[in-house]
C-alpha cells in the first residue's frame, strides 16, 4: 500500500504520521514513513533549518526530484509506504507546486489523503515553530488551496485512485481513523452529523453527543466535523466587539491564545463557506451518514438547520441515511422521507448495524 499524504505547513503531519505508524505496528503492519522535507534538508546540509523555500526554484526542484527518485525506488520493496509531502507551497516565490506529475505517476500511489486542521491550531503551531509571516486569512486560504490541489493531483494521476480529506484533530483516535481508512477497507465509512453551535453551552446534550461520537468511531471509519470546529469564532468575535475589546480569546492546543479581532472578523465568511463545502465533501467520501439528534431539557429535539441540510445532501447523493432521534416528539416528514431508517436511541442503531453485518457481532 502506497499512500501520499499532503497538508499545509502548520498541520504537523510528521508527528501525526509517526503516531499512525506506531499504531500500525501494534496491529502487525510494517509502514515506512518518508518525510520529504526532512530528506531534502539531509540532502542539502548547507541549508539552515526553515530556509529551504528561500533557495532558488531551480535548485528546490532539483533537490525535490532527487528525493522523490529515492522514494520511488524504496516503494518497490517497502511493504507499506507513506509519503509525507505538500501539494503546494506558498512563499516569497508565490504559490507553486511541491510535486512533479511524472514522478507521482511513477510512484503510482494507491490513495491520497489531505490532512487538515483548525485555523487556530495552525496559527498556534506556526507562531511557535515557523518564521512564516501570516494572517488568519492566509491560513484559511492556504488550507483550501492544499485540499483542492491534492484532489486535482490525485485525479490527474488516476481518476480511480481514492482521495480523502481528513481532519487530524487533537485526539489519538483520528490516527486510528487514518489506519482503518488505509488498512481496513471493509469497514464502512460514516459521516457523523449532529448539532454543534446551537447546543455548545448545554452540558448534558454535549455529553450525549460525545458518547455518540465515541461509539461510532469505535465501529466505523468516521469523518467527524467536530474534529475541526471553527463555527464558534464569529460568535466569539461578536461577543468581544460588544465588550469593546480589540481581541478574541480562544483555546487551542491546550492553551489560551489572543487573536486580533479584525483578523477574526475578516475570515467569518470564509469559515462559513468552507464549513458548508467541506461537510458536503466529507459526506460525499462516505458510505453513509449517521445523524444523532439529542433531546433538550424540555423534551424537544435538538435539530439544527445544518443537520437537516446534511441529511438532504446525503439523501440526494444516494448515501445510506440513518437518524438517531431520541426525542419523544415525532420527527418531521422531512426527516422520515429522507432517512433510510430512524432509531429511537443509540443502542437500537448499533444493534441494527450488527444485524446488517456492518460491524462485528457480539461473541
Protein backbone atom coordinates (compact mmCIF):
# COMPACT_ATOMS: atom_id res chain seq x y z
CA UNK A 1 0.00 0.00 0.00
CA UNK A 2 1.41 3.37 -1.05
CA UNK A 3 -0.16 6.47 0.49
CA UNK A 4 0.55 10.09 -0.36
CA UNK A 5 -0.28 12.47 2.48
CA UNK A 6 -0.38 16.22 1.92
CA UNK A 7 -1.23 19.15 4.15
CA UNK A 8 -0.20 22.75 4.56
CA UNK A 9 2.57 23.95 6.83
CA UNK A 10 1.38 24.07 10.44
CA UNK A 11 -0.56 20.79 10.38
CA UNK A 12 2.42 18.97 11.94
CA UNK A 13 1.92 15.93 9.73
CA UNK A 14 5.20 14.32 10.78
CA UNK A 15 4.29 13.66 14.44
CA UNK A 16 0.77 12.63 13.44
CA UNK A 17 2.02 10.13 10.85
CA UNK A 18 4.60 8.77 13.28
CA UNK A 19 1.68 8.03 15.60
CA UNK A 20 -0.13 6.32 12.71
CA UNK A 21 2.94 4.16 12.02
CA UNK A 22 3.27 3.17 15.69
CA UNK A 23 -0.40 2.21 15.78
CA UNK A 24 0.01 0.22 12.56
CA UNK A 25 3.00 -1.57 14.10
CA UNK A 26 0.87 -2.57 17.07
CA UNK A 27 -1.57 -4.08 14.57
CA UNK A 28 1.19 -6.03 12.82
CA UNK A 29 1.57 -3.71 9.82
CA UNK A 30 5.04 -2.52 8.82
CA UNK A 31 4.92 1.03 7.43
CA UNK A 32 7.83 3.07 6.08
CA UNK A 33 7.35 6.81 6.57
CA UNK A 34 9.20 9.09 4.14
CA UNK A 35 9.16 12.73 5.23
CA UNK A 36 10.10 14.65 2.09
CA UNK A 37 11.07 17.82 3.96
CA UNK A 38 13.47 16.01 6.30
CA UNK A 39 15.08 14.17 3.40
CA UNK A 40 15.58 17.41 1.46
CA UNK A 41 17.37 19.03 4.39
CA UNK A 42 19.52 15.91 4.84
CA UNK A 43 20.44 16.03 1.16
CA UNK A 44 21.42 19.70 1.39
CA UNK A 45 23.15 20.25 4.78
CA UNK A 46 24.22 23.77 3.75
CA UNK A 47 20.62 24.98 4.01
CA UNK A 48 19.73 26.22 7.54
CA UNK A 49 16.51 24.89 9.12
CA UNK A 50 13.43 26.75 7.93
CA UNK A 51 15.21 28.29 4.94
CA UNK A 52 14.72 25.69 2.22
CA UNK A 53 11.97 27.66 0.47
CA UNK A 54 14.31 30.64 0.21
CA UNK A 55 16.62 28.87 -2.24
CA UNK A 56 16.10 29.27 -5.99
CA UNK A 57 13.17 27.44 -7.52
CA UNK A 58 15.58 25.67 -9.87
CA UNK A 59 17.64 24.20 -7.02
CA UNK A 60 14.50 23.45 -5.00
CA UNK A 61 13.03 21.49 -7.92
CA UNK A 62 16.28 19.58 -8.49
CA UNK A 63 16.56 18.70 -4.80
CA UNK A 64 12.94 17.58 -4.61
CA UNK A 65 13.27 15.39 -7.70
CA UNK A 66 16.35 13.71 -6.26
CA UNK A 67 14.47 12.87 -3.06
CA UNK A 68 11.41 11.56 -4.89
CA UNK A 69 13.64 9.39 -7.07
CA UNK A 70 14.90 7.67 -3.90
CA UNK A 71 11.37 7.34 -2.51
CA UNK A 72 10.12 5.74 -5.74
CA UNK A 73 12.97 3.19 -5.50
CA UNK A 74 12.08 2.39 -1.86
CA UNK A 75 8.42 1.97 -2.81
CA UNK A 76 9.33 -1.12 -4.82
CA UNK A 77 10.36 -3.07 -1.71
CA UNK A 78 8.55 -1.42 1.20
CA UNK A 79 5.53 -3.46 2.37
CA UNK A 80 3.65 -0.20 3.05
CA UNK A 81 4.79 3.35 2.35
CA UNK A 82 3.56 6.76 3.48
CA UNK A 83 4.96 9.78 1.64
CA UNK A 84 4.62 12.94 3.73
CA UNK A 85 4.73 15.91 1.38
CA UNK A 86 2.87 19.04 0.30
CA UNK A 87 0.79 19.57 -2.82
CA UNK A 88 1.68 23.26 -2.96
CA UNK A 89 3.95 25.82 -1.36
CA UNK A 90 3.13 29.46 -0.76
CA UNK A 91 6.23 31.53 -0.07
CA UNK A 92 8.05 34.60 -1.29
CA UNK A 93 8.06 33.00 -4.74
CA UNK A 94 4.25 32.98 -4.62
CA UNK A 95 2.16 29.83 -5.00
CA UNK A 96 3.97 26.92 -6.66
CA UNK A 97 3.70 23.10 -6.85
CA UNK A 98 5.52 20.86 -4.37
CA UNK A 99 5.49 17.69 -6.53
CA UNK A 100 6.05 16.70 -10.16
CA UNK A 101 3.40 14.79 -12.09
CA UNK A 102 5.84 12.48 -13.88
CA UNK A 103 7.32 11.27 -10.59
CA UNK A 104 3.92 10.93 -8.96
CA UNK A 105 2.86 8.70 -11.85
CA UNK A 106 5.96 6.56 -11.28
CA UNK A 107 5.19 6.35 -7.58
CA UNK A 108 1.72 5.08 -8.51
CA UNK A 109 0.16 5.64 -5.09
CA UNK A 110 -2.93 3.73 -4.03
CA UNK A 111 -4.54 6.58 -2.11
CA UNK A 112 -4.17 10.31 -1.50
CA UNK A 113 -5.08 11.96 1.80
CA UNK A 114 -5.04 15.67 2.57
CA UNK A 115 -4.68 16.28 6.32
CA UNK A 116 -6.27 19.46 7.61
CA UNK A 117 -6.58 21.20 10.95
CA UNK A 118 -8.39 24.14 12.53
CA UNK A 119 -7.17 27.62 11.70
CA UNK A 120 -6.36 28.43 15.34
CA UNK A 121 -4.29 25.28 15.80
CA UNK A 122 -2.45 26.10 12.58
CA UNK A 123 -1.82 29.65 13.76
CA UNK A 124 -0.56 28.44 17.13
CA UNK A 125 1.94 25.99 15.63
CA UNK A 126 3.23 28.50 13.11
CA UNK A 127 3.79 31.07 15.84
CA UNK A 128 5.80 28.52 17.84
CA UNK A 129 7.70 26.65 15.17
CA UNK A 130 7.97 28.68 11.98
CA UNK A 131 9.11 32.10 10.86
CA UNK A 132 6.49 32.39 8.12
CA UNK A 133 4.54 35.63 8.39
CA UNK A 134 0.85 35.01 8.07
CA UNK A 135 -2.63 36.24 8.87
CA UNK A 136 -5.65 34.11 9.72
CA UNK A 137 -6.93 34.91 6.22
CA UNK A 138 -3.72 33.49 4.75
CA UNK A 139 -4.15 30.25 6.67
CA UNK A 140 -7.73 29.64 5.69
CA UNK A 141 -6.89 30.31 2.02
CA UNK A 142 -3.77 28.09 2.11
CA UNK A 143 -5.79 25.26 3.60
CA UNK A 144 -8.35 25.42 0.83
CA UNK A 145 -5.63 25.59 -1.83
CA UNK A 146 -3.95 22.48 -0.43
CA UNK A 147 -7.19 20.49 -0.42
CA UNK A 148 -8.16 21.29 -3.99
CA UNK A 149 -4.58 20.93 -5.28
CA UNK A 150 -4.29 17.48 -3.72
CA UNK A 151 -7.59 16.39 -5.21
CA UNK A 152 -6.57 17.68 -8.64
CA UNK A 153 -3.19 15.93 -8.33
CA UNK A 154 -4.88 12.66 -7.38
CA UNK A 155 -7.41 12.77 -10.20
CA UNK A 156 -4.80 14.00 -12.67
CA UNK A 157 -2.67 10.93 -11.93
CA UNK A 158 -5.51 8.41 -11.95
CA UNK A 159 -9.23 9.13 -11.57
CA UNK A 160 -9.77 5.72 -9.97
CA UNK A 161 -7.43 6.47 -7.04
CA UNK A 162 -9.41 7.46 -3.92
CA UNK A 163 -8.88 10.90 -2.41
CA UNK A 164 -9.86 11.75 1.15
CA UNK A 165 -9.80 14.88 3.25
CA UNK A 166 -9.21 14.06 6.91
CA UNK A 167 -9.09 16.37 9.94
CA UNK A 168 -6.15 15.46 12.18
CA UNK A 169 -8.00 16.55 15.32
CA UNK A 170 -6.43 16.70 18.77
CA UNK A 171 -7.03 13.12 19.91
CA UNK A 172 -5.27 9.86 19.07
CA UNK A 173 -8.49 8.39 17.71
CA UNK A 174 -8.02 10.27 14.43
CA UNK A 175 -4.75 8.36 13.88
CA UNK A 176 -6.77 5.18 14.34
CA UNK A 177 -9.26 6.51 11.78
CA UNK A 178 -6.37 7.01 9.36
CA UNK A 179 -5.20 3.44 9.93
CA UNK A 180 -8.67 1.96 9.40
CA UNK A 181 -9.18 4.05 6.26
CA UNK A 182 -5.97 2.63 4.77
CA UNK A 183 -5.78 -0.94 6.02
CA UNK A 184 -9.35 -1.93 6.88
CA UNK A 185 -11.19 -1.14 3.68
CA UNK A 186 -14.05 -3.47 4.57
CA UNK A 187 -15.17 -1.13 7.36
CA UNK A 188 -17.94 1.27 6.40
CA UNK A 189 -17.10 4.98 6.12
CA UNK A 190 -19.57 7.17 8.02
CA UNK A 191 -20.09 10.90 8.23
CA UNK A 192 -21.22 11.89 11.73
CA UNK A 193 -23.92 14.54 11.82
CA UNK A 194 -25.09 16.33 14.96
CA UNK A 195 -25.94 19.86 16.15
CA UNK A 196 -22.92 21.90 17.18
CA UNK A 197 -23.05 25.66 17.67
CA UNK A 198 -26.66 25.75 18.85
CA UNK A 199 -26.01 23.34 21.75
CA UNK A 200 -22.42 24.20 22.72
CA UNK A 201 -23.49 25.60 26.12
CA UNK A 202 -25.75 22.65 27.01
CA UNK A 203 -23.54 20.32 29.06
CA UNK A 204 -25.85 17.29 29.13
CA UNK A 205 -26.54 17.49 25.41
CA UNK A 206 -22.83 17.76 24.63
CA UNK A 207 -22.21 14.73 26.82
CA UNK A 208 -24.74 12.69 24.82
CA UNK A 209 -23.22 13.84 21.52
CA UNK A 210 -19.70 12.96 22.67
CA UNK A 211 -20.85 9.46 23.63
CA UNK A 212 -22.40 9.05 20.17
CA UNK A 213 -19.16 10.18 18.53
CA UNK A 214 -17.08 7.86 20.73
CA UNK A 215 -19.17 4.80 19.98
CA UNK A 216 -19.38 5.40 16.24
CA UNK A 217 -15.62 5.92 15.96
CA UNK A 218 -15.11 2.54 17.57
CA UNK A 219 -17.29 0.89 14.92
CA UNK A 220 -16.69 2.72 11.65
CA UNK A 221 -14.23 4.89 9.75
CA UNK A 222 -15.73 8.21 10.80
CA UNK A 223 -15.45 11.64 9.26
CA UNK A 224 -16.35 13.87 12.18
CA UNK A 225 -16.96 17.62 11.67
CA UNK A 226 -16.27 18.04 15.38
CA UNK A 227 -12.59 17.27 14.73
CA UNK A 228 -12.34 20.66 13.05
CA UNK A 229 -14.65 23.09 14.80
CA UNK A 230 -14.41 26.77 13.83
CA UNK A 231 -18.00 27.98 13.70
CA UNK A 232 -17.65 29.41 17.21
CA UNK A 233 -15.09 32.01 16.09
CA UNK A 234 -17.56 34.54 14.57
CA UNK A 235 -19.67 34.26 17.74
CA UNK A 236 -16.59 34.91 19.87
CA UNK A 237 -15.74 37.91 17.70
CA UNK A 238 -19.24 39.37 18.07
CA UNK A 239 -19.08 38.90 21.84
CA UNK A 240 -15.67 40.62 22.03
CA UNK A 241 -16.93 43.54 19.93
CA UNK A 242 -19.92 44.03 22.27
CA UNK A 243 -17.49 44.25 25.18
CA UNK A 244 -15.41 46.84 23.36
CA UNK A 245 -12.38 44.56 23.07
CA UNK A 246 -9.97 44.54 20.12
CA UNK A 247 -9.02 40.89 20.61
CA UNK A 248 -10.65 37.46 20.86
CA UNK A 249 -9.57 34.90 23.45
CA UNK A 250 -9.68 31.25 22.38
CA UNK A 251 -8.19 27.93 23.49
CA UNK A 252 -6.00 25.92 21.13
CA UNK A 253 -3.60 23.03 21.74
CA UNK A 254 -4.26 23.27 25.46
CA UNK A 255 -3.52 26.95 25.98
CA UNK A 256 -5.17 30.37 25.79
CA UNK A 257 -4.44 32.49 22.72
CA UNK A 258 -5.36 36.07 21.88
CA UNK A 259 -6.35 36.81 18.29
CA UNK A 260 -6.73 40.19 16.65
CA UNK A 261 -10.47 40.96 16.44
CA UNK A 262 -10.17 42.42 12.94
CA UNK A 263 -8.45 39.27 11.67
CA UNK A 264 -11.17 37.04 13.09
CA UNK A 265 -13.93 39.18 11.57
CA UNK A 266 -12.07 39.11 8.26
CA UNK A 267 -12.40 35.31 7.96
CA UNK A 268 -16.03 34.97 9.09
CA UNK A 269 -17.37 34.48 5.56
CA UNK A 270 -14.55 32.07 4.73
CA UNK A 271 -15.27 29.95 7.81
CA UNK A 272 -18.96 29.67 6.97
CA UNK A 273 -18.43 28.90 3.28
CA UNK A 274 -15.70 26.33 3.99
CA UNK A 275 -17.81 24.55 6.62
CA UNK A 276 -20.64 24.33 4.09
CA UNK A 277 -18.43 22.97 1.29
CA UNK A 278 -16.20 20.77 3.47
CA UNK A 279 -19.04 18.97 5.27
CA UNK A 280 -20.66 18.10 1.96
CA UNK A 281 -17.30 16.85 0.67
CA UNK A 282 -16.94 14.62 3.76
CA UNK A 283 -20.42 13.23 3.14
CA UNK A 284 -19.54 12.51 -0.48
CA UNK A 285 -16.46 10.49 0.55
CA UNK A 286 -18.54 8.40 2.99
CA UNK A 287 -20.74 5.36 2.50
CA UNK A 288 -23.39 6.67 4.85
CA UNK A 289 -24.40 9.45 7.19
CA UNK A 290 -25.32 8.77 10.81
CA UNK A 291 -27.12 11.67 12.44
CA UNK A 292 -27.61 11.94 16.20
CA UNK A 293 -30.46 14.22 17.30
CA UNK A 294 -30.27 14.71 21.08
CA UNK A 295 -33.10 15.80 23.36
CA UNK A 296 -33.23 19.20 25.04
CA UNK A 297 -34.15 19.63 28.71
CA UNK A 298 -37.75 20.48 27.77
CA UNK A 299 -38.09 17.27 25.72
CA UNK A 300 -37.81 18.86 22.28
CA UNK A 301 -35.48 17.53 19.61
CA UNK A 302 -32.22 19.49 19.27
CA UNK A 303 -32.11 19.52 15.49
CA UNK A 304 -30.38 22.30 13.58
CA UNK A 305 -30.77 23.60 10.04
CA UNK A 306 -27.24 22.39 9.33
CA UNK A 307 -28.12 18.81 10.25
CA UNK A 308 -31.26 18.93 8.11
CA UNK A 309 -29.25 20.19 5.15
CA UNK A 310 -26.63 17.45 5.62
CA UNK A 311 -29.34 14.79 5.67
CA UNK A 312 -30.86 16.17 2.49
CA UNK A 313 -27.47 16.29 0.75
CA UNK A 314 -26.69 12.69 1.75
CA UNK A 315 -30.11 11.56 0.52
CA UNK A 316 -29.64 13.27 -2.83
CA UNK A 317 -26.14 11.76 -3.11
CA UNK A 318 -27.71 8.28 -2.77
CA UNK A 319 -25.98 7.59 0.55
CA UNK A 320 -27.47 5.48 3.31
CA UNK A 321 -29.07 7.88 5.78
CA UNK A 322 -29.50 6.85 9.42
CA UNK A 323 -31.04 9.08 12.08
CA UNK A 324 -30.95 8.50 15.83
CA UNK A 325 -33.95 10.52 17.03
CA UNK A 326 -34.08 10.47 20.84
CA UNK A 327 -36.92 12.93 21.50
CA UNK A 328 -40.48 11.79 22.22
CA UNK A 329 -41.91 14.17 19.64
CA UNK A 330 -42.16 12.53 16.23
CA UNK A 331 -39.64 13.56 13.56
CA UNK A 332 -40.99 15.65 10.69
CA UNK A 333 -41.71 14.25 7.26
CA UNK A 334 -38.53 15.95 6.02
CA UNK A 335 -36.59 13.57 8.26
CA UNK A 336 -38.56 10.38 7.72
CA UNK A 337 -38.75 10.78 3.94
CA UNK A 338 -35.01 11.17 3.51
CA UNK A 339 -33.87 8.63 6.12
CA UNK A 340 -33.07 5.00 5.31
CA UNK A 341 -34.04 4.21 8.91
CA UNK A 342 -34.80 6.16 12.10
CA UNK A 343 -33.82 4.80 15.54
CA UNK A 344 -35.12 5.73 18.98
CA UNK A 345 -31.71 5.52 20.64
CA UNK A 346 -28.06 4.70 20.11
CA UNK A 347 -28.35 1.07 21.24
CA UNK A 348 -31.02 0.37 18.63
CA UNK A 349 -28.79 1.79 15.92
CA UNK A 350 -25.80 -0.31 16.98
CA UNK A 351 -27.89 -3.47 17.07
CA UNK A 352 -29.24 -2.72 13.58
CA UNK A 353 -25.72 -2.25 12.21
CA UNK A 354 -24.73 -5.60 13.72
CA UNK A 355 -27.67 -7.35 12.05
CA UNK A 356 -26.63 -5.85 8.71
CA UNK A 357 -23.09 -7.13 9.29
CA UNK A 358 -21.71 -3.60 9.16
CA UNK A 359 -19.93 -4.29 12.42
CA UNK A 360 -18.80 -7.42 14.21
CA UNK A 361 -21.48 -9.30 16.10
CA UNK A 362 -21.13 -9.81 19.82
CA UNK A 363 -19.42 -13.07 20.74
